[in-house]
Amino acid sequence: GDSTVAAVEGRHVLAIQDTSEIHFNTTPQRRRGLGEIGKGN
């Protein structure tokens, strides 16, 4: 948000939120706290 603050000043702004699933190819031994996403697969 630091650089965006100056860009929004004085404008009529829409704040849009979405969700992205970031999938990592990994093995059970290297999950490092990654959670299940999608349908758990």
PDB file of all heavy atoms in Angstrom:
ATOM      1  N   GLY A   1       0.789  -1.223   0.000  1.00  0.00           N
ATOM      2  CA  GLY A   1       0.000   0.000   0.000  1.00  0.00           C
ATOM      3  C   GLY A   1       0.821   1.273   0.000  1.00  0.00           C
ATOM      4  O   GLY A   1       0.312   2.339  -0.368  1.00  0.00           O
ATOM      5  N   ASP A   2       2.090   1.187   0.376  1.00  0.00           N
ATOM      6  CA  ASP A   2       2.917   2.389   0.488  1.00  0.00           C
ATOM      7  C   ASP A   2       2.943   3.203  -0.805  1.00  0.00           C
ATOM      8  O   ASP A   2       2.730   4.412  -0.797  1.00  0.00           O
ATOM      9  CB  ASP A   2       4.342   2.035   0.904  1.00  0.00           C
ATOM     10  CG  ASP A   2       4.421   1.450   2.308  1.00  0.00           C
ATOM     11  OD1 ASP A   2       3.430   1.566   3.064  1.00  0.00           O
ATOM     12  OD2 ASP A   2       5.466   0.871   2.640  1.00  0.00           O
ATOM     13  N   SER A   3       3.207   2.564  -1.925  1.00  0.00           N
ATOM     14  CA  SER A   3       3.271   3.298  -3.187  1.00  0.00           C
ATOM     15  C   SER A   3       1.882   3.555  -3.780  1.00  0.00           C
ATOM     16  O   SER A   3       1.711   4.468  -4.586  1.00  0.00           O
ATOM     17  CB  SER A   3       4.140   2.551  -4.195  1.00  0.00           C
ATOM     18  OG  SER A   3       3.617   1.269  -4.422  1.00  0.00           O
ATOM     19  N   THR A   4       0.895   2.788  -3.374  1.00  0.00           N
ATOM     20  CA  THR A   4      -0.450   2.942  -3.911  1.00  0.00           C
ATOM     21  C   THR A   4      -1.149   4.157  -3.314  1.00  0.00           C
ATOM     22  O   THR A   4      -1.984   4.777  -3.972  1.00  0.00           O
ATOM     23  CB  THR A   4      -1.279   1.664  -3.653  1.00  0.00           C
ATOM     24  OG1 THR A   4      -0.557   0.545  -4.177  1.00  0.00           O
ATOM     25  CG2 THR A   4      -2.635   1.728  -4.309  1.00  0.00           C
ATOM     26  N   VAL A   5      -0.794   4.526  -2.100  1.00  0.00           N
ATOM     27  CA  VAL A   5      -1.441   5.649  -1.421  1.00  0.00           C
ATOM     28  C   VAL A   5      -1.366   6.921  -2.272  1.00  0.00           C
ATOM     29  O   VAL A   5      -2.358   7.624  -2.447  1.00  0.00           O
ATOM     30  CB  VAL A   5      -0.816   5.878  -0.025  1.00  0.00           C
ATOM     31  CG1 VAL A   5      -1.275   7.184   0.586  1.00  0.00           C
ATOM     32  CG2 VAL A   5      -1.171   4.725   0.892  1.00  0.00           C
ATOM     33  N   ALA A   6      -0.216   7.221  -2.821  1.00  0.00           N
ATOM     34  CA  ALA A   6      -0.064   8.418  -3.657  1.00  0.00           C
ATOM     35  C   ALA A   6      -0.892   8.305  -4.931  1.00  0.00           C
ATOM     36  O   ALA A   6      -1.459   9.302  -5.399  1.00  0.00           O
ATOM     37  CB  ALA A   6       1.407   8.639  -4.001  1.00  0.00           C
ATOM     38  N   ALA A   7      -1.003   7.120  -5.492  1.00  0.00           N
ATOM     39  CA  ALA A   7      -1.741   6.926  -6.744  1.00  0.00           C
ATOM     40  C   ALA A   7      -3.243   7.105  -6.567  1.00  0.00           C
ATOM     41  O   ALA A   7      -3.936   7.515  -7.501  1.00  0.00           O
ATOM     42  CB  ALA A   7      -1.445   5.544  -7.322  1.00  0.00           C
ATOM     43  N   VAL A   8      -3.779   6.823  -5.384  1.00  0.00           N
ATOM     44  CA  VAL A   8      -5.229   6.906  -5.177  1.00  0.00           C
ATOM     45  C   VAL A   8      -5.681   8.298  -4.729  1.00  0.00           C
ATOM     46  O   VAL A   8      -6.869   8.603  -4.777  1.00  0.00           O
ATOM     47  CB  VAL A   8      -5.737   5.852  -4.165  1.00  0.00           C
ATOM     48  CG1 VAL A   8      -5.392   4.455  -4.628  1.00  0.00           C
ATOM     49  CG2 VAL A   8      -5.223   6.100  -2.769  1.00  0.00           C
ATOM     50  N   GLU A   9      -4.750   9.130  -4.324  1.00  0.00           N
ATOM     51  CA  GLU A   9      -5.099  10.448  -3.792  1.00  0.00           C
ATOM     52  C   GLU A   9      -5.920  11.263  -4.796  1.00  0.00           C
ATOM     53  O   GLU A   9      -5.559  11.414  -5.953  1.00  0.00           O
ATOM     54  CB  GLU A   9      -3.832  11.220  -3.424  1.00  0.00           C
ATOM     55  CG  GLU A   9      -4.126  12.497  -2.681  1.00  0.00           C
ATOM     56  CD  GLU A   9      -2.859  13.159  -2.162  1.00  0.00           C
ATOM     57  OE1 GLU A   9      -1.848  12.466  -1.973  1.00  0.00           O
ATOM     58  OE2 GLU A   9      -2.911  14.371  -1.943  1.00  0.00           O
ATOM     59  N   GLY A  10      -7.082  11.735  -4.342  1.00  0.00           N
ATOM     60  CA  GLY A  10      -7.946  12.578  -5.149  1.00  0.00           C
ATOM     61  C   GLY A  10      -8.782  11.843  -6.189  1.00  0.00           C
ATOM     62  O   GLY A  10      -9.452  12.467  -7.000  1.00  0.00           O
ATOM     63  N   ARG A  11      -8.752  10.544  -6.196  1.00  0.00           N
ATOM     64  CA  ARG A  11      -9.508   9.757  -7.184  1.00  0.00           C
ATOM     65  C   ARG A  11     -10.678   9.036  -6.519  1.00  0.00           C
ATOM     66  O   ARG A  11     -10.664   8.768  -5.335  1.00  0.00           O
ATOM     67  CB  ARG A  11      -8.613   8.692  -7.829  1.00  0.00           C
ATOM     68  CG  ARG A  11      -7.457   9.228  -8.608  1.00  0.00           C
ATOM     69  CD  ARG A  11      -6.698   8.042  -9.177  1.00  0.00           C
ATOM     70  NE  ARG A  11      -5.447   8.420  -9.781  1.00  0.00           N
ATOM     71  CZ  ARG A  11      -5.084   8.072 -11.003  1.00  0.00           C
ATOM     72  NH1 ARG A  11      -5.862   7.337 -11.747  1.00  0.00           N
ATOM     73  NH2 ARG A  11      -3.920   8.445 -11.472  1.00  0.00           N
ATOM     74  N   HIS A  12     -11.667   8.713  -7.326  1.00  0.00           N
ATOM     75  CA  HIS A  12     -12.749   7.822  -6.903  1.00  0.00           C
ATOM     76  C   HIS A  12     -12.225   6.410  -7.146  1.00  0.00           C
ATOM     77  O   HIS A  12     -11.964   6.030  -8.283  1.00  0.00           O
ATOM     78  CB  HIS A  12     -14.011   8.099  -7.713  1.00  0.00           C
ATOM     79  CG  HIS A  12     -15.158   7.224  -7.347  1.00  0.00           C
ATOM     80  ND1 HIS A  12     -16.248   7.075  -8.157  1.00  0.00           N
ATOM     81  CD2 HIS A  12     -15.407   6.446  -6.264  1.00  0.00           C
ATOM     82  CE1 HIS A  12     -17.105   6.247  -7.594  1.00  0.00           C
ATOM     83  NE2 HIS A  12     -16.615   5.855  -6.448  1.00  0.00           N
ATOM     84  N   VAL A  13     -12.053   5.651  -6.060  1.00  0.00           N
ATOM     85  CA  VAL A  13     -11.350   4.369  -6.137  1.00  0.00           C
ATOM     86  C   VAL A  13     -12.263   3.219  -5.736  1.00  0.00           C
ATOM     87  O   VAL A  13     -13.035   3.319  -4.785  1.00  0.00           O
ATOM     88  CB  VAL A  13     -10.111   4.397  -5.210  1.00  0.00           C
ATOM     89  CG1 VAL A  13      -9.412   3.047  -5.186  1.00  0.00           C
ATOM     90  CG2 VAL A  13      -9.150   5.478  -5.650  1.00  0.00           C
ATOM     91  N   LEU A  14     -12.163   2.135  -6.470  1.00  0.00           N
ATOM     92  CA  LEU A  14     -12.807   0.880  -6.094  1.00  0.00           C
ATOM     93  C   LEU A  14     -11.743  -0.022  -5.478  1.00  0.00           C
ATOM     94  O   LEU A  14     -10.637  -0.141  -6.020  1.00  0.00           O
ATOM     95  CB  LEU A  14     -13.392   0.179  -7.317  1.00  0.00           C
ATOM     96  CG  LEU A  14     -14.447   0.949  -8.111  1.00  0.00           C
ATOM     97  CD1 LEU A  14     -14.839   0.163  -9.350  1.00  0.00           C
ATOM     98  CD2 LEU A  14     -15.655   1.220  -7.237  1.00  0.00           C
ATOM     99  N   ALA A  15     -12.043  -0.628  -4.355  1.00  0.00           N
ATOM    100  CA  ALA A  15     -11.144  -1.594  -3.727  1.00  0.00           C
ATOM    101  C   ALA A  15     -11.719  -2.978  -4.008  1.00  0.00           C
ATOM    102  O   ALA A  15     -12.817  -3.317  -3.562  1.00  0.00           O
ATOM    103  CB  ALA A  15     -11.033  -1.334  -2.232  1.00  0.00           C
ATOM    104  N   ILE A  16     -10.995  -3.765  -4.775  1.00  0.00           N
ATOM    105  CA  ILE A  16     -11.479  -5.066  -5.235  1.00  0.00           C
ATOM    106  C   ILE A  16     -10.630  -6.166  -4.603  1.00  0.00           C
ATOM    107  O   ILE A  16      -9.402  -6.140  -4.677  1.00  0.00           O
ATOM    108  CB  ILE A  16     -11.400  -5.163  -6.772  1.00  0.00           C
ATOM    109  CG1 ILE A  16     -12.241  -4.043  -7.394  1.00  0.00           C
ATOM    110  CG2 ILE A  16     -11.854  -6.534  -7.239  1.00  0.00           C
ATOM    111  CD1 ILE A  16     -12.047  -3.888  -8.882  1.00  0.00           C
ATOM    112  N   GLN A  17     -11.290  -7.145  -3.985  1.00  0.00           N
ATOM    113  CA  GLN A  17     -10.602  -8.266  -3.345  1.00  0.00           C
ATOM    114  C   GLN A  17     -10.922  -9.543  -4.094  1.00  0.00           C
ATOM    115  O   GLN A  17     -12.042  -9.740  -4.552  1.00  0.00           O
ATOM    116  CB  GLN A  17     -11.021  -8.380  -1.880  1.00  0.00           C
ATOM    117  CG  GLN A  17     -10.254  -9.413  -1.077  1.00  0.00           C
ATOM    118  CD  GLN A  17     -10.848 -10.807  -1.140  1.00  0.00           C
ATOM    119  OE1 GLN A  17     -12.053 -10.985  -1.172  1.00  0.00           O
ATOM    120  NE2 GLN A  17      -9.989 -11.801  -1.164  1.00  0.00           N
ATOM    121  N   ASP A  18      -9.939 -10.397  -4.234  1.00  0.00           N
ATOM    122  CA  ASP A  18     -10.136 -11.682  -4.878  1.00  0.00           C
ATOM    123  C   ASP A  18      -9.281 -12.712  -4.143  1.00  0.00           C
ATOM    124  O   ASP A  18      -8.486 -12.359  -3.278  1.00  0.00           O
ATOM    125  CB  ASP A  18      -9.749 -11.613  -6.355  1.00  0.00           C
ATOM    126  CG  ASP A  18     -10.257 -12.800  -7.157  1.00  0.00           C
ATOM    127  OD1 ASP A  18     -11.120 -13.550  -6.651  1.00  0.00           O
ATOM    128  OD2 ASP A  18      -9.801 -12.992  -8.291  1.00  0.00           O
ATOM    129  N   THR A  19      -9.441 -13.954  -4.491  1.00  0.00           N
ATOM    130  CA  THR A  19      -8.661 -15.021  -3.883  1.00  0.00           C
ATOM    131  C   THR A  19      -7.912 -15.780  -4.962  1.00  0.00           C
ATOM    132  O   THR A  19      -8.476 -16.106  -5.999  1.00  0.00           O
ATOM    133  CB  THR A  19      -9.567 -16.003  -3.117  1.00  0.00           C
ATOM    134  OG1 THR A  19     -10.258 -15.279  -2.102  1.00  0.00           O
ATOM    135  CG2 THR A  19      -8.766 -17.132  -2.492  1.00  0.00           C
ATOM    136  N   SER A  20      -6.636 -16.031  -4.721  1.00  0.00           N
ATOM    137  CA  SER A  20      -5.812 -16.836  -5.620  1.00  0.00           C
ATOM    138  C   SER A  20      -5.240 -18.004  -4.835  1.00  0.00           C
ATOM    139  O   SER A  20      -4.769 -17.834  -3.715  1.00  0.00           O
ATOM    140  CB  SER A  20      -4.643 -16.014  -6.183  1.00  0.00           C
ATOM    141  OG  SER A  20      -5.118 -14.962  -6.969  1.00  0.00           O
ATOM    142  N   GLU A  21      -5.290 -19.189  -5.434  1.00  0.00           N
ATOM    143  CA  GLU A  21      -4.651 -20.360  -4.846  1.00  0.00           C
ATOM    144  C   GLU A  21      -3.249 -20.440  -5.421  1.00  0.00           C
ATOM    145  O   GLU A  21      -3.068 -20.495  -6.630  1.00  0.00           O
ATOM    146  CB  GLU A  21      -5.407 -21.643  -5.206  1.00  0.00           C
ATOM    147  CG  GLU A  21      -6.739 -21.789  -4.539  1.00  0.00           C
ATOM    148  CD  GLU A  21      -7.404 -23.122  -4.861  1.00  0.00           C
ATOM    149  OE1 GLU A  21      -6.849 -23.934  -5.632  1.00  0.00           O
ATOM    150  OE2 GLU A  21      -8.501 -23.351  -4.324  1.00  0.00           O
ATOM    151  N   ILE A  22      -2.251 -20.418  -4.549  1.00  0.00           N
ATOM    152  CA  ILE A  22      -0.865 -20.531  -4.974  1.00  0.00           C
ATOM    153  C   ILE A  22      -0.412 -21.945  -4.648  1.00  0.00           C
ATOM    154  O   ILE A  22      -0.228 -22.302  -3.485  1.00  0.00           O
ATOM    155  CB  ILE A  22       0.044 -19.490  -4.273  1.00  0.00           C
ATOM    156  CG1 ILE A  22      -0.577 -18.095  -4.325  1.00  0.00           C
ATOM    157  CG2 ILE A  22       1.445 -19.536  -4.853  1.00  0.00           C
ATOM    158  CD1 ILE A  22      -0.790 -17.525  -5.700  1.00  0.00           C
ATOM    159  N   HIS A  23      -0.281 -22.757  -5.680  1.00  0.00           N
ATOM    160  CA  HIS A  23       0.041 -24.175  -5.521  1.00  0.00           C
ATOM    161  C   HIS A  23       1.548 -24.368  -5.627  1.00  0.00           C
ATOM    162  O   HIS A  23       2.200 -23.801  -6.506  1.00  0.00           O
ATOM    163  CB  HIS A  23      -0.661 -24.990  -6.615  1.00  0.00           C
ATOM    164  CG  HIS A  23      -0.238 -26.407  -6.682  1.00  0.00           C
ATOM    165  ND1 HIS A  23       0.444 -26.926  -7.755  1.00  0.00           N
ATOM    166  CD2 HIS A  23      -0.388 -27.421  -5.808  1.00  0.00           C
ATOM    167  CE1 HIS A  23       0.684 -28.195  -7.544  1.00  0.00           C
ATOM    168  NE2 HIS A  23       0.186 -28.525  -6.372  1.00  0.00           N
ATOM    169  N   PHE A  24       2.111 -25.170  -4.713  1.00  0.00           N
ATOM    170  CA  PHE A  24       3.522 -25.504  -4.740  1.00  0.00           C
ATOM    171  C   PHE A  24       3.670 -26.998  -4.954  1.00  0.00           C
ATOM    172  O   PHE A  24       3.062 -27.791  -4.236  1.00  0.00           O
ATOM    173  CB  PHE A  24       4.209 -25.118  -3.422  1.00  0.00           C
ATOM    174  CG  PHE A  24       4.275 -23.641  -3.201  1.00  0.00           C
ATOM    175  CD1 PHE A  24       3.275 -22.999  -2.474  1.00  0.00           C
ATOM    176  CD2 PHE A  24       5.310 -22.892  -3.718  1.00  0.00           C
ATOM    177  CE1 PHE A  24       3.326 -21.630  -2.263  1.00  0.00           C
ATOM    178  CE2 PHE A  24       5.364 -21.521  -3.520  1.00  0.00           C
ATOM    179  CZ  PHE A  24       4.376 -20.891  -2.789  1.00  0.00           C
ATOM    180  N   ASN A  25       4.464 -27.380  -5.952  1.00  0.00           N
ATOM    181  CA  ASN A  25       4.785 -28.794  -6.133  1.00  0.00           C
ATOM    182  C   ASN A  25       5.741 -29.172  -5.019  1.00  0.00           C
ATOM    183  O   ASN A  25       6.833 -28.640  -4.924  1.00  0.00           O
ATOM    184  CB  ASN A  25       5.440 -29.031  -7.498  1.00  0.00           C
ATOM    185  CG  ASN A  25       4.467 -28.852  -8.629  1.00  0.00           C
ATOM    186  OD1 ASN A  25       3.296 -29.177  -8.495  1.00  0.00           O
ATOM    187  ND2 ASN A  25       4.938 -28.318  -9.742  1.00  0.00           N
ATOM    188  N   THR A  26       5.309 -30.077  -4.165  1.00  0.00           N
ATOM    189  CA  THR A  26       6.106 -30.414  -2.998  1.00  0.00           C
ATOM    190  C   THR A  26       5.857 -31.852  -2.600  1.00  0.00           C
ATOM    191  O   THR A  26       4.954 -32.501  -3.116  1.00  0.00           O
ATOM    192  CB  THR A  26       5.785 -29.442  -1.838  1.00  0.00           C
ATOM    193  OG1 THR A  26       6.667 -29.706  -0.760  1.00  0.00           O
ATOM    194  CG2 THR A  26       4.361 -29.544  -1.381  1.00  0.00           C
ATOM    195  N   THR A  27       6.653 -32.320  -1.683  1.00  0.00           N
ATOM    196  CA  THR A  27       6.491 -33.664  -1.132  1.00  0.00           C
ATOM    197  C   THR A  27       6.082 -33.532   0.326  1.00  0.00           C
ATOM    198  O   THR A  27       6.256 -32.465   0.922  1.00  0.00           O
ATOM    199  CB  THR A  27       7.821 -34.449  -1.215  1.00  0.00           C
ATOM    200  OG1 THR A  27       8.789 -33.791  -0.398  1.00  0.00           O
ATOM    201  CG2 THR A  27       8.314 -34.557  -2.639  1.00  0.00           C
ATOM    202  N   PRO A  28       5.545 -34.585   0.925  1.00  0.00           N
ATOM    203  CA  PRO A  28       5.160 -34.503   2.340  1.00  0.00           C
ATOM    204  C   PRO A  28       6.305 -34.080   3.259  1.00  0.00           C
ATOM    205  O   PRO A  28       6.085 -33.406   4.254  1.00  0.00           O
ATOM    206  CB  PRO A  28       4.686 -35.923   2.670  1.00  0.00           C
ATOM    207  CG  PRO A  28       4.217 -36.476   1.367  1.00  0.00           C
ATOM    208  CD  PRO A  28       5.147 -35.874   0.332  1.00  0.00           C
ATOM    209  N   GLN A  29       7.542 -34.429   2.905  1.00  0.00           N
ATOM    210  CA  GLN A  29       8.679 -34.077   3.738  1.00  0.00           C
ATOM    211  C   GLN A  29       9.075 -32.599   3.607  1.00  0.00           C
ATOM    212  O   GLN A  29       9.799 -32.076   4.438  1.00  0.00           O
ATOM    213  CB  GLN A  29       9.914 -34.925   3.365  1.00  0.00           C
ATOM    214  CG  GLN A  29       9.739 -36.403   3.583  1.00  0.00           C
ATOM    215  CD  GLN A  29       8.964 -37.085   2.439  1.00  0.00           C
ATOM    216  OE1 GLN A  29       8.865 -36.580   1.330  1.00  0.00           O
ATOM    217  NE2 GLN A  29       8.381 -38.245   2.752  1.00  0.00           N
ATOM    218  N   ARG A  30       8.604 -31.921   2.564  1.00  0.00           N
ATOM    219  CA  ARG A  30       9.032 -30.542   2.305  1.00  0.00           C
ATOM    220  C   ARG A  30       7.872 -29.552   2.278  1.00  0.00           C
ATOM    221  O   ARG A  30       7.948 -28.533   1.607  1.00  0.00           O
ATOM    222  CB  ARG A  30       9.781 -30.499   0.976  1.00  0.00           C
ATOM    223  CG  ARG A  30      11.048 -31.365   1.018  1.00  0.00           C
ATOM    224  CD  ARG A  30      11.882 -31.127  -0.139  1.00  0.00           C
ATOM    225  NE  ARG A  30      12.230 -29.703  -0.153  1.00  0.00           N
ATOM    226  CZ  ARG A  30      13.118 -29.163  -0.933  1.00  0.00           C
ATOM    227  NH1 ARG A  30      13.770 -29.902  -1.772  1.00  0.00           N
ATOM    228  NH2 ARG A  30      13.364 -27.879  -0.896  1.00  0.00           N
ATOM    229  N   ARG A  31       6.823 -29.800   3.004  1.00  0.00           N
ATOM    230  CA  ARG A  31       5.634 -28.935   2.971  1.00  0.00           C
ATOM    231  C   ARG A  31       5.830 -27.629   3.721  1.00  0.00           C
ATOM    232  O   ARG A  31       5.173 -26.645   3.457  1.00  0.00           O
ATOM    233  CB  ARG A  31       4.430 -29.687   3.533  1.00  0.00           C
ATOM    234  CG  ARG A  31       4.075 -30.892   2.697  1.00  0.00           C
ATOM    235  CD  ARG A  31       2.772 -30.702   1.971  1.00  0.00           C
ATOM    236  NE  ARG A  31       2.660 -31.623   0.862  1.00  0.00           N
ATOM    237  CZ  ARG A  31       2.160 -32.845   0.927  1.00  0.00           C
ATOM    238  NH1 ARG A  31       1.699 -33.309   2.069  1.00  0.00           N
ATOM    239  NH2 ARG A  31       2.110 -33.594  -0.128  1.00  0.00           N
ATOM    240  N   ARG A  32       6.694 -27.597   4.714  1.00  0.00           N
ATOM    241  CA  ARG A  32       7.036 -26.390   5.475  1.00  0.00           C
ATOM    242  C   ARG A  32       5.815 -25.562   5.856  1.00  0.00           C
ATOM    243  O   ARG A  32       5.782 -24.349   5.681  1.00  0.00           O
ATOM    244  CB  ARG A  32       8.021 -25.529   4.691  1.00  0.00           C
ATOM    245  CG  ARG A  32       9.336 -26.210   4.474  1.00  0.00           C
ATOM    246  CD  ARG A  32      10.213 -25.377   3.615  1.00  0.00           C
ATOM    247  NE  ARG A  32       9.654 -25.266   2.285  1.00  0.00           N
ATOM    248  CZ  ARG A  32      10.326 -25.377   1.167  1.00  0.00           C
ATOM    249  NH1 ARG A  32      11.602 -25.563   1.202  1.00  0.00           N
ATOM    250  NH2 ARG A  32       9.739 -25.276   0.001  1.00  0.00           N
ATOM    251  N   GLY A  33       4.788 -26.213   6.360  1.00  0.00           N
ATOM    252  CA  GLY A  33       3.619 -25.486   6.849  1.00  0.00           C
ATOM    253  C   GLY A  33       2.600 -25.109   5.794  1.00  0.00           C
ATOM    254  O   GLY A  33       1.632 -24.428   6.097  1.00  0.00           O
ATOM    255  N   LEU A  34       2.789 -25.539   4.556  1.00  0.00           N
ATOM    256  CA  LEU A  34       1.797 -25.240   3.533  1.00  0.00           C
ATOM    257  C   LEU A  34       0.515 -26.000   3.846  1.00  0.00           C
ATOM    258  O   LEU A  34       0.554 -27.138   4.297  1.00  0.00           O
ATOM    259  CB  LEU A  34       2.305 -25.643   2.143  1.00  0.00           C
ATOM    260  CG  LEU A  34       3.552 -24.911   1.654  1.00  0.00           C
ATOM    261  CD1 LEU A  34       4.038 -25.519   0.346  1.00  0.00           C
ATOM    262  CD2 LEU A  34       3.271 -23.430   1.489  1.00  0.00           C
ATOM    263  N   GLY A  35      -0.613 -25.374   3.605  1.00  0.00           N
ATOM    264  CA  GLY A  35      -1.895 -26.002   3.893  1.00  0.00           C
ATOM    265  C   GLY A  35      -2.498 -26.662   2.670  1.00  0.00           C
ATOM    266  O   GLY A  35      -2.032 -26.484   1.548  1.00  0.00           O
ATOM    267  N   GLU A  36      -3.541 -27.419   2.903  1.00  0.00           N
ATOM    268  CA  GLU A  36      -4.258 -28.033   1.796  1.00  0.00           C
ATOM    269  C   GLU A  36      -5.084 -26.964   1.097  1.00  0.00           C
ATOM    270  O   GLU A  36      -5.712 -26.131   1.739  1.00  0.00           O
ATOM    271  CB  GLU A  36      -5.174 -29.145   2.301  1.00  0.00           C
ATOM    272  CG  GLU A  36      -4.430 -30.351   2.807  1.00  0.00           C
ATOM    273  CD  GLU A  36      -5.359 -31.473   3.242  1.00  0.00           C
ATOM    274  OE1 GLU A  36      -6.590 -31.295   3.214  1.00  0.00           O
ATOM    275  OE2 GLU A  36      -4.845 -32.519   3.631  1.00  0.00           O
ATOM    276  N   ILE A  37      -5.049 -26.978  -0.225  1.00  0.00           N
ATOM    277  CA  ILE A  37      -5.854 -26.043  -1.015  1.00  0.00           C
ATOM    278  C   ILE A  37      -6.609 -26.834  -2.072  1.00  0.00           C
ATOM    279  O   ILE A  37      -6.380 -28.024  -2.248  1.00  0.00           O
ATOM    280  CB  ILE A  37      -4.986 -24.936  -1.674  1.00  0.00           C
ATOM    281  CG1 ILE A  37      -3.933 -25.533  -2.591  1.00  0.00           C
ATOM    282  CG2 ILE A  37      -4.357 -24.055  -0.612  1.00  0.00           C
ATOM    283  CD1 ILE A  37      -3.177 -24.492  -3.411  1.00  0.00           C
ATOM    284  N   GLY A  38      -7.481 -26.152  -2.765  1.00  0.00           N
ATOM    285  CA  GLY A  38      -8.300 -26.826  -3.767  1.00  0.00           C
ATOM    286  C   GLY A  38      -9.233 -27.791  -3.075  1.00  0.00           C
ATOM    287  O   GLY A  38      -9.892 -27.456  -2.100  1.00  0.00           O
ATOM    288  N   LYS A  39      -9.257 -29.003  -3.538  1.00  0.00           N
ATOM    289  CA  LYS A  39     -10.101 -30.025  -2.938  1.00  0.00           C
ATOM    290  C   LYS A  39      -9.300 -30.893  -1.984  1.00  0.00           C
ATOM    291  O   LYS A  39      -9.632 -32.040  -1.743  1.00  0.00           O
ATOM    292  CB  LYS A  39     -10.744 -30.867  -4.036  1.00  0.00           C
ATOM    293  CG  LYS A  39     -11.670 -30.036  -4.890  1.00  0.00           C
ATOM    294  CD  LYS A  39     -12.369 -30.841  -5.945  1.00  0.00           C
ATOM    295  CE  LYS A  39     -13.225 -29.834  -6.707  1.00  0.00           C
ATOM    296  NZ  LYS A  39     -14.111 -30.352  -7.630  1.00  0.00           N
ATOM    297  N   GLY A  40      -8.215 -30.313  -1.459  1.00  0.00           N
ATOM    298  CA  GLY A  40      -7.380 -31.036  -0.508  1.00  0.00           C
ATOM    299  C   GLY A  40      -6.308 -31.874  -1.154  1.00  0.00           C
ATOM    300  O   GLY A  40      -5.560 -32.559  -0.479  1.00  0.00           O
ATOM    301  N   ASN A  41      -6.217 -31.829  -2.500  1.00  0.00           N
ATOM    302  CA  ASN A  41      -5.227 -32.654  -3.184  1.00  0.00           C
ATOM    303  C   ASN A  41      -3.976 -31.865  -3.587  1.00  0.00           C
ATOM    304  O   ASN A  41      -3.098 -32.394  -4.234  1.00  0.00           O
ATOM    305  CB  ASN A  41      -5.848 -33.326  -4.413  1.00  0.00           C
ATOM    306  CG  ASN A  41      -6.451 -32.316  -5.376  1.00  0.00           C
ATOM    307  OD1 ASN A  41      -6.598 -31.149  -5.055  1.00  0.00           O
ATOM    308  ND2 ASN A  41      -6.810 -32.782  -6.552  1.00  0.00           N
TER     309      ASN A  41
END
